[in-house]
Amino acid sequence: MDKDRDILEQVNQLVAEEHELRAKLQRHEVDETEEHRRLQSLEVQLDQCWDLLRQRRALRETGQDPDQASARPGDQVEGYLG
C-alpha cells in the first residue's frame, strides 16, 4: 500500500502544479499557449497515475502482486479515451 500512497502523493503534486499554472495565467505570468502545453502534459501524467492505481487495484483484487503493475506510455493511456 505504500506504493499506492506514493502514487496518490504524486497525483496531489500534479494537481497542485495544475492549480499554480492556472493562477500564473490569471497573473499573466504565462501565456495561454504555454499554459495549454503544460496542462496537456499534466493531464497525461495524471491519467498515467490513475491508470497505475487501477492496475494495482485489479491485481490486488485478483490475488496477484500489485507491484507487477507498471506505468503505461502516455499515448497508450490517452488512447483509452478515444
PDB file of N, CA and C in Angstrom:
ATOM      1  N   MET A   1       0.808  -1.210   0.000  1.00  0.00           N
ATOM      2  CA  MET A   1       0.000   0.000   0.000  1.00  0.00           C
ATOM      3  C   MET A   1       0.847   1.269   0.000  1.00  0.00           C
ATOM      4  N   ASP A   2       2.103   1.151   0.412  1.00  0.00           N
ATOM      5  CA  ASP A   2       2.969   2.329   0.393  1.00  0.00           C
ATOM      6  C   ASP A   2       3.093   2.894  -1.015  1.00  0.00           C
ATOM      7  N   LYS A   3       3.183   2.012  -2.009  1.00  0.00           N
ATOM      8  CA  LYS A   3       3.295   2.494  -3.382  1.00  0.00           C
ATOM      9  C   LYS A   3       2.020   3.233  -3.798  1.00  0.00           C
ATOM     10  N   ASP A   4       0.866   2.742  -3.340  1.00  0.00           N
ATOM     11  CA  ASP A   4      -0.379   3.449  -3.631  1.00  0.00           C
ATOM     12  C   ASP A   4      -0.324   4.860  -3.058  1.00  0.00           C
ATOM     13  N   ARG A   5       0.151   4.973  -1.844  1.00  0.00           N
ATOM     14  CA  ARG A   5       0.271   6.299  -1.214  1.00  0.00           C
ATOM     15  C   ARG A   5       1.244   7.180  -1.985  1.00  0.00           C
ATOM     16  N   ASP A   6       2.344   6.591  -2.456  1.00  0.00           N
ATOM     17  CA  ASP A   6       3.318   7.354  -3.243  1.00  0.00           C
ATOM     18  C   ASP A   6       2.682   7.873  -4.533  1.00  0.00           C
ATOM     19  N   ILE A   7       1.901   7.027  -5.173  1.00  0.00           N
ATOM     20  CA  ILE A   7       1.237   7.431  -6.417  1.00  0.00           C
ATOM     21  C   ILE A   7       0.220   8.533  -6.123  1.00  0.00           C
ATOM     22  N   LEU A   8      -0.535   8.383  -5.040  1.00  0.00           N
ATOM     23  CA  LEU A   8      -1.506   9.419  -4.673  1.00  0.00           C
ATOM     24  C   LEU A   8      -0.818  10.731  -4.318  1.00  0.00           C
ATOM     25  N   GLU A   9       0.343  10.659  -3.706  1.00  0.00           N
ATOM     26  CA  GLU A   9       1.115  11.877  -3.410  1.00  0.00           C
ATOM     27  C   GLU A   9       1.539  12.551  -4.712  1.00  0.00           C
ATOM     28  N   GLN A  10       1.937  11.751  -5.688  1.00  0.00           N
ATOM     29  CA  GLN A  10       2.293  12.314  -6.989  1.00  0.00           C
ATOM     30  C   GLN A  10       1.079  12.972  -7.629  1.00  0.00           C
ATOM     31  N   VAL A  11      -0.091  12.349  -7.508  1.00  0.00           N
ATOM     32  CA  VAL A  11      -1.328  12.949  -8.026  1.00  0.00           C
ATOM     33  C   VAL A  11      -1.553  14.302  -7.362  1.00  0.00           C
ATOM     34  N   ASN A  12      -1.408  14.358  -6.051  1.00  0.00           N
ATOM     35  CA  ASN A  12      -1.603  15.623  -5.327  1.00  0.00           C
ATOM     36  C   ASN A  12      -0.626  16.693  -5.799  1.00  0.00           C
ATOM     37  N   GLN A  13       0.620  16.299  -6.051  1.00  0.00           N
ATOM     38  CA  GLN A  13       1.617  17.258  -6.535  1.00  0.00           C
ATOM     39  C   GLN A  13       1.263  17.775  -7.927  1.00  0.00           C
ATOM     40  N   LEU A  14       0.804  16.878  -8.784  1.00  0.00           N
ATOM     41  CA  LEU A  14       0.422  17.283 -10.136  1.00  0.00           C
ATOM     42  C   LEU A  14      -0.785  18.210 -10.116  1.00  0.00           C
ATOM     43  N   VAL A  15      -1.751  17.921  -9.256  1.00  0.00           N
ATOM     44  CA  VAL A  15      -2.933  18.781  -9.138  1.00  0.00           C
ATOM     45  C   VAL A  15      -2.527  20.159  -8.603  1.00  0.00           C
ATOM     46  N   ALA A  16      -1.625  20.183  -7.631  1.00  0.00           N
ATOM     47  CA  ALA A  16      -1.142  21.468  -7.109  1.00  0.00           C
ATOM     48  C   ALA A  16      -0.433  22.255  -8.208  1.00  0.00           C
ATOM     49  N   GLU A  17       0.347  21.563  -9.019  1.00  0.00           N
ATOM     50  CA  GLU A  17       1.037  22.223 -10.127  1.00  0.00           C
ATOM     51  C   GLU A  17       0.028  22.772 -11.137  1.00  0.00           C
ATOM     52  N   GLU A  18      -1.037  22.012 -11.383  1.00  0.00           N
ATOM     53  CA  GLU A  18      -2.082  22.468 -12.291  1.00  0.00           C
ATOM     54  C   GLU A  18      -2.738  23.744 -11.751  1.00  0.00           C
ATOM     55  N   HIS A  19      -3.047  23.762 -10.471  1.00  0.00           N
ATOM     56  CA  HIS A  19      -3.664  24.958  -9.863  1.00  0.00           C
ATOM     57  C   HIS A  19      -2.723  26.157  -9.943  1.00  0.00           C
ATOM     58  N   GLU A  20      -1.452  25.920  -9.680  1.00  0.00           N
ATOM     59  CA  GLU A  20      -0.471  27.013  -9.740  1.00  0.00           C
ATOM     60  C   GLU A  20      -0.355  27.548 -11.167  1.00  0.00           C
ATOM     61  N   LEU A  21      -0.379  26.660 -12.130  1.00  0.00           N
ATOM     62  CA  LEU A  21      -0.293  27.084 -13.521  1.00  0.00           C
ATOM     63  C   LEU A  21      -1.491  27.954 -13.895  1.00  0.00           C
ATOM     64  N   ARG A  22      -2.662  27.557 -13.454  1.00  0.00           N
ATOM     65  CA  ARG A  22      -3.857  28.360 -13.743  1.00  0.00           C
ATOM     66  C   ARG A  22      -3.774  29.731 -13.051  1.00  0.00           C
ATOM     67  N   ALA A  23      -3.218  29.756 -11.851  1.00  0.00           N
ATOM     68  CA  ALA A  23      -3.044  31.029 -11.139  1.00  0.00           C
ATOM     69  C   ALA A  23      -2.038  31.922 -11.870  1.00  0.00           C
ATOM     70  N   LYS A  24      -0.983  31.312 -12.395  1.00  0.00           N
ATOM     71  CA  LYS A  24       0.014  32.093 -13.147  1.00  0.00           C
ATOM     72  C   LYS A  24      -0.615  32.703 -14.395  1.00  0.00           C
ATOM     73  N   LEU A  25      -1.513  31.981 -15.036  1.00  0.00           N
ATOM     74  CA  LEU A  25      -2.189  32.534 -16.200  1.00  0.00           C
ATOM     75  C   LEU A  25      -3.020  33.750 -15.783  1.00  0.00           C
ATOM     76  N   GLN A  26      -3.716  33.637 -14.661  1.00  0.00           N
ATOM     77  CA  GLN A  26      -4.517  34.756 -14.161  1.00  0.00           C
ATOM     78  C   GLN A  26      -3.656  35.985 -13.867  1.00  0.00           C
ATOM     79  N   ARG A  27      -2.425  35.728 -13.387  1.00  0.00           N
ATOM     80  CA  ARG A  27      -1.499  36.827 -13.060  1.00  0.00           C
ATOM     81  C   ARG A  27      -0.664  37.251 -14.271  1.00  0.00           C
ATOM     82  N   HIS A  28      -0.940  36.657 -15.425  1.00  0.00           N
ATOM     83  CA  HIS A  28      -0.233  36.950 -16.670  1.00  0.00           C
ATOM     84  C   HIS A  28       1.260  36.628 -16.583  1.00  0.00           C
ATOM     85  N   GLU A  29       1.589  35.596 -15.811  1.00  0.00           N
ATOM     86  CA  GLU A  29       2.977  35.154 -15.698  1.00  0.00           C
ATOM     87  C   GLU A  29       3.324  34.126 -16.771  1.00  0.00           C
ATOM     88  N   VAL A  30       2.302  33.533 -17.375  1.00  0.00           N
ATOM     89  CA  VAL A  30       2.468  32.652 -18.532  1.00  0.00           C
ATOM     90  C   VAL A  30       1.381  33.004 -19.534  1.00  0.00           C
ATOM     91  N   ASP A  31       1.653  32.730 -20.797  1.00  0.00           N
ATOM     92  CA  ASP A  31       0.608  32.986 -21.791  1.00  0.00           C
ATOM     93  C   ASP A  31      -0.240  31.732 -21.982  1.00  0.00           C
ATOM     94  N   GLU A  32      -1.331  31.879 -22.706  1.00  0.00           N
ATOM     95  CA  GLU A  32      -2.275  30.775 -22.872  1.00  0.00           C
ATOM     96  C   GLU A  32      -1.661  29.588 -23.598  1.00  0.00           C
ATOM     97  N   THR A  33      -0.774  29.854 -24.536  1.00  0.00           N
ATOM     98  CA  THR A  33      -0.134  28.763 -25.273  1.00  0.00           C
ATOM     99  C   THR A  33       0.712  27.920 -24.342  1.00  0.00           C
ATOM    100  N   GLU A  34       1.499  28.570 -23.518  1.00  0.00           N
ATOM    101  CA  GLU A  34       2.345  27.850 -22.553  1.00  0.00           C
ATOM    102  C   GLU A  34       1.486  27.105 -21.540  1.00  0.00           C
ATOM    103  N   GLU A  35       0.438  27.762 -21.059  1.00  0.00           N
ATOM    104  CA  GLU A  35      -0.446  27.110 -20.097  1.00  0.00           C
ATOM    105  C   GLU A  35      -1.072  25.859 -20.713  1.00  0.00           C
ATOM    106  N   HIS A  36      -1.547  25.966 -21.936  1.00  0.00           N
ATOM    107  CA  HIS A  36      -2.196  24.840 -22.601  1.00  0.00           C
ATOM    108  C   HIS A  36      -1.206  23.684 -22.785  1.00  0.00           C
ATOM    109  N   ARG A  37      -0.002  23.992 -23.220  1.00  0.00           N
ATOM    110  CA  ARG A  37       1.012  22.961 -23.432  1.00  0.00           C
ATOM    111  C   ARG A  37       1.321  22.233 -22.132  1.00  0.00           C
ATOM    112  N   ARG A  38       1.528  22.997 -21.075  1.00  0.00           N
ATOM    113  CA  ARG A  38       1.868  22.397 -19.788  1.00  0.00           C
ATOM    114  C   ARG A  38       0.691  21.646 -19.182  1.00  0.00           C
ATOM    115  N   LEU A  39      -0.523  22.158 -19.363  1.00  0.00           N
ATOM    116  CA  LEU A  39      -1.706  21.451 -18.855  1.00  0.00           C
ATOM    117  C   LEU A  39      -1.879  20.104 -19.542  1.00  0.00           C
ATOM    118  N   GLN A  40      -1.626  20.055 -20.836  1.00  0.00           N
ATOM    119  CA  GLN A  40      -1.725  18.782 -21.549  1.00  0.00           C
ATOM    120  C   GLN A  40      -0.758  17.762 -20.958  1.00  0.00           C
ATOM    121  N   SER A  41       0.453  18.192 -20.665  1.00  0.00           N
ATOM    122  CA  SER A  41       1.450  17.305 -20.080  1.00  0.00           C
ATOM    123  C   SER A  41       1.002  16.821 -18.701  1.00  0.00           C
ATOM    124  N   LEU A  42       0.477  17.733 -17.895  1.00  0.00           N
ATOM    125  CA  LEU A  42      -0.002  17.357 -16.559  1.00  0.00           C
ATOM    126  C   LEU A  42      -1.161  16.369 -16.642  1.00  0.00           C
ATOM    127  N   GLU A  43      -2.055  16.584 -17.589  1.00  0.00           N
ATOM    128  CA  GLU A  43      -3.205  15.689 -17.732  1.00  0.00           C
ATOM    129  C   GLU A  43      -2.770  14.276 -18.100  1.00  0.00           C
ATOM    130  N   VAL A  44      -1.777  14.162 -18.966  1.00  0.00           N
ATOM    131  CA  VAL A  44      -1.264  12.842 -19.337  1.00  0.00           C
ATOM    132  C   VAL A  44      -0.641  12.172 -18.119  1.00  0.00           C
ATOM    133  N   GLN A  45       0.152  12.917 -17.365  1.00  0.00           N
ATOM    134  CA  GLN A  45       0.779  12.356 -16.170  1.00  0.00           C
ATOM    135  C   GLN A  45      -0.264  11.902 -15.149  1.00  0.00           C
ATOM    136  N   LEU A  46      -1.310  12.703 -14.977  1.00  0.00           N
ATOM    137  CA  LEU A  46      -2.386  12.318 -14.058  1.00  0.00           C
ATOM    138  C   LEU A  46      -3.087  11.055 -14.534  1.00  0.00           C
ATOM    139  N   ASP A  47      -3.370  10.982 -15.828  1.00  0.00           N
ATOM    140  CA  ASP A  47      -4.007   9.774 -16.364  1.00  0.00           C
ATOM    141  C   ASP A  47      -3.133   8.548 -16.156  1.00  0.00           C
ATOM    142  N   GLN A  48      -1.824   8.711 -16.298  1.00  0.00           N
ATOM    143  CA  GLN A  48      -0.910   7.596 -16.068  1.00  0.00           C
ATOM    144  C   GLN A  48      -0.960   7.150 -14.605  1.00  0.00           C
ATOM    145  N   CYS A  49      -1.014   8.096 -13.691  1.00  0.00           N
ATOM    146  CA  CYS A  49      -1.096   7.755 -12.264  1.00  0.00           C
ATOM    147  C   CYS A  49      -2.382   6.998 -11.959  1.00  0.00           C
ATOM    148  N   TRP A  50      -3.518   7.510 -12.460  1.00  0.00           N
ATOM    149  CA  TRP A  50      -4.792   6.852 -12.199  1.00  0.00           C
ATOM    150  C   TRP A  50      -4.822   5.462 -12.825  1.00  0.00           C
ATOM    151  N   ASP A  51      -4.265   5.317 -14.016  1.00  0.00           N
ATOM    152  CA  ASP A  51      -4.202   4.016 -14.666  1.00  0.00           C
ATOM    153  C   ASP A  51      -3.374   3.045 -13.834  1.00  0.00           C
ATOM    154  N   LEU A  52      -2.257   3.510 -13.315  1.00  0.00           N
ATOM    155  CA  LEU A  52      -1.399   2.654 -12.497  1.00  0.00           C
ATOM    156  C   LEU A  52      -2.122   2.225 -11.221  1.00  0.00           C
ATOM    157  N   LEU A  53      -2.839   3.141 -10.597  1.00  0.00           N
ATOM    158  CA  LEU A  53      -3.614   2.777  -9.408  1.00  0.00           C
ATOM    159  C   LEU A  53      -4.696   1.752  -9.733  1.00  0.00           C
ATOM    160  N   ARG A  54      -5.368   1.911 -10.880  1.00  0.00           N
ATOM    161  CA  ARG A  54      -6.386   0.936 -11.287  1.00  0.00           C
ATOM    162  C   ARG A  54      -5.760  -0.436 -11.534  1.00  0.00           C
ATOM    163  N   GLN A  55      -4.604  -0.454 -12.185  1.00  0.00           N
ATOM    164  CA  GLN A  55      -3.908  -1.720 -12.415  1.00  0.00           C
ATOM    165  C   GLN A  55      -3.581  -2.399 -11.091  1.00  0.00           C
ATOM    166  N   ARG A  56      -3.043  -1.612 -10.161  1.00  0.00           N
ATOM    167  CA  ARG A  56      -2.659  -2.164  -8.858  1.00  0.00           C
ATOM    168  C   ARG A  56      -3.872  -2.727  -8.123  1.00  0.00           C
ATOM    169  N   ARG A  57      -4.989  -2.002  -8.163  1.00  0.00           N
ATOM    170  CA  ARG A  57      -6.211  -2.461  -7.506  1.00  0.00           C
ATOM    171  C   ARG A  57      -6.702  -3.764  -8.140  1.00  0.00           C
ATOM    172  N   ALA A  58      -6.707  -3.824  -9.466  1.00  0.00           N
ATOM    173  CA  ALA A  58      -7.177  -5.026 -10.161  1.00  0.00           C
ATOM    174  C   ALA A  58      -6.299  -6.231  -9.820  1.00  0.00           C
ATOM    175  N   LEU A  59      -5.001  -6.033  -9.793  1.00  0.00           N
ATOM    176  CA  LEU A  59      -4.103  -7.133  -9.435  1.00  0.00           C
ATOM    177  C   LEU A  59      -4.348  -7.592  -8.000  1.00  0.00           C
ATOM    178  N   ARG A  60      -4.496  -6.641  -7.098  1.00  0.00           N
ATOM    179  CA  ARG A  60      -4.734  -6.961  -5.689  1.00  0.00           C
ATOM    180  C   ARG A  60      -6.046  -7.739  -5.530  1.00  0.00           C
ATOM    181  N   GLU A  61      -7.086  -7.286  -6.225  1.00  0.00           N
ATOM    182  CA  GLU A  61      -8.405  -7.927  -6.109  1.00  0.00           C
ATOM    183  C   GLU A  61      -8.433  -9.341  -6.680  1.00  0.00           C
ATOM    184  N   THR A  62      -7.508  -9.647  -7.572  1.00  0.00           N
ATOM    185  CA  THR A  62      -7.464 -10.991  -8.159  1.00  0.00           C
ATOM    186  C   THR A  62      -6.371 -11.847  -7.515  1.00  0.00           C
ATOM    187  N   GLY A  63      -5.861 -11.391  -6.361  1.00  0.00           N
ATOM    188  CA  GLY A  63      -4.885 -12.170  -5.607  1.00  0.00           C
ATOM    189  C   GLY A  63      -3.483 -12.140  -6.175  1.00  0.00           C
ATOM    190  N   GLN A  64      -3.231 -11.205  -7.070  1.00  0.00           N
ATOM    191  CA  GLN A  64      -1.903 -11.086  -7.660  1.00  0.00           C
ATOM    192  C   GLN A  64      -1.124  -9.965  -6.979  1.00  0.00           C
ATOM    193  N   ASP A  65       0.143  -9.890  -7.306  1.00  0.00           N
ATOM    194  CA  ASP A  65       1.040  -8.896  -6.721  1.00  0.00           C
ATOM    195  C   ASP A  65       0.838  -7.536  -7.394  1.00  0.00           C
ATOM    196  N   PRO A  66       0.359  -6.533  -6.655  1.00  0.00           N
ATOM    197  CA  PRO A  66       0.140  -5.221  -7.260  1.00  0.00           C
ATOM    198  C   PRO A  66       1.432  -4.566  -7.744  1.00  0.00           C
ATOM    199  N   ASP A  67       2.570  -5.023  -7.233  1.00  0.00           N
ATOM    200  CA  ASP A  67       3.844  -4.462  -7.680  1.00  0.00           C
ATOM    201  C   ASP A  67       4.190  -4.879  -9.105  1.00  0.00           C
ATOM    202  N   GLN A  68       3.402  -5.782  -9.681  1.00  0.00           N
ATOM    203  CA  GLN A  68       3.618  -6.178 -11.073  1.00  0.00           C
ATOM    204  C   GLN A  68       3.040  -5.131 -12.040  1.00  0.00           C
ATOM    205  N   ALA A  69       2.248  -4.209 -11.529  1.00  0.00           N
ATOM    206  CA  ALA A  69       1.699  -3.138 -12.366  1.00  0.00           C
ATOM    207  C   ALA A  69       2.831  -2.215 -12.790  1.00  0.00           C
ATOM    208  N   SER A  70       2.671  -1.636 -13.953  1.00  0.00           N
ATOM    209  CA  SER A  70       3.686  -0.697 -14.425  1.00  0.00           C
ATOM    210  C   SER A  70       3.020   0.463 -15.153  1.00  0.00           C
ATOM    211  N   ALA A  71       3.697   1.597 -15.100  1.00  0.00           N
ATOM    212  CA  ALA A  71       3.173   2.783 -15.778  1.00  0.00           C
ATOM    213  C   ALA A  71       3.198   2.538 -17.281  1.00  0.00           C
ATOM    214  N   ARG A  72       2.091   2.855 -17.913  1.00  0.00           N
ATOM    215  CA  ARG A  72       1.999   2.702 -19.360  1.00  0.00           C
ATOM    216  C   ARG A  72       2.359   4.024 -20.028  1.00  0.00           C
ATOM    217  N   PRO A  73       2.806   3.962 -21.280  1.00  0.00           N
ATOM    218  CA  PRO A  73       3.141   5.207 -22.002  1.00  0.00           C
ATOM    219  C   PRO A  73       1.922   6.123 -22.104  1.00  0.00           C
ATOM    220  N   GLY A  74       2.187   7.410 -22.114  1.00  0.00           N
ATOM    221  CA  GLY A  74       1.111   8.388 -22.168  1.00  0.00           C
ATOM    222  C   GLY A  74       0.204   8.222 -23.358  1.00  0.00           C
ATOM    223  N   ASP A  75       0.769   7.912 -24.523  1.00  0.00           N
ATOM    224  CA  ASP A  75      -0.086   7.770 -25.700  1.00  0.00           C
ATOM    225  C   ASP A  75      -0.996   6.548 -25.591  1.00  0.00           C
ATOM    226  N   GLN A  76      -0.557   5.534 -24.885  1.00  0.00           N
ATOM    227  CA  GLN A  76      -1.395   4.352 -24.681  1.00  0.00           C
ATOM    228  C   GLN A  76      -2.539   4.678 -23.714  1.00  0.00           C
ATOM    229  N   VAL A  77      -2.221   5.326 -22.614  1.00  0.00           N
ATOM    230  CA  VAL A  77      -3.234   5.679 -21.618  1.00  0.00           C
ATOM    231  C   VAL A  77      -4.243   6.659 -22.222  1.00  0.00           C
ATOM    232  N   GLU A  78      -3.758   7.632 -22.964  1.00  0.00           N
ATOM    233  CA  GLU A  78      -4.643   8.607 -23.582  1.00  0.00           C
ATOM    234  C   GLU A  78      -5.494   7.961 -24.670  1.00  0.00           C
ATOM    235  N   GLY A  79      -4.998   6.913 -25.300  1.00  0.00           N
ATOM    236  CA  GLY A  79      -5.726   6.216 -26.348  1.00  0.00           C
ATOM    237  C   GLY A  79      -6.965   5.516 -25.850  1.00  0.00           C
ATOM    238  N   TYR A  80      -7.032   5.243 -24.533  1.00  0.00           N
ATOM    239  CA  TYR A  80      -8.204   4.571 -23.960  1.00  0.00           C
ATOM    240  C   TYR A  80      -9.451   5.430 -24.120  1.00  0.00           C
ATOM    241  N   LEU A  81      -9.255   6.740 -24.131  1.00  0.00           N
ATOM    242  CA  LEU A  81     -10.397   7.644 -24.167  1.00  0.00           C
ATOM    243  C   LEU A  81     -10.959   7.807 -25.572  1.00  0.00           C
ATOM    244  N   GLY A  82     -10.166   7.482 -26.569  1.00  0.00           N
ATOM    245  CA  GLY A  82     -10.544   7.737 -27.951  1.00  0.00           C
ATOM    246  C   GLY A  82     -11.359   6.706 -28.597  1.00  0.00           C
TER     247      GLY A  82
END
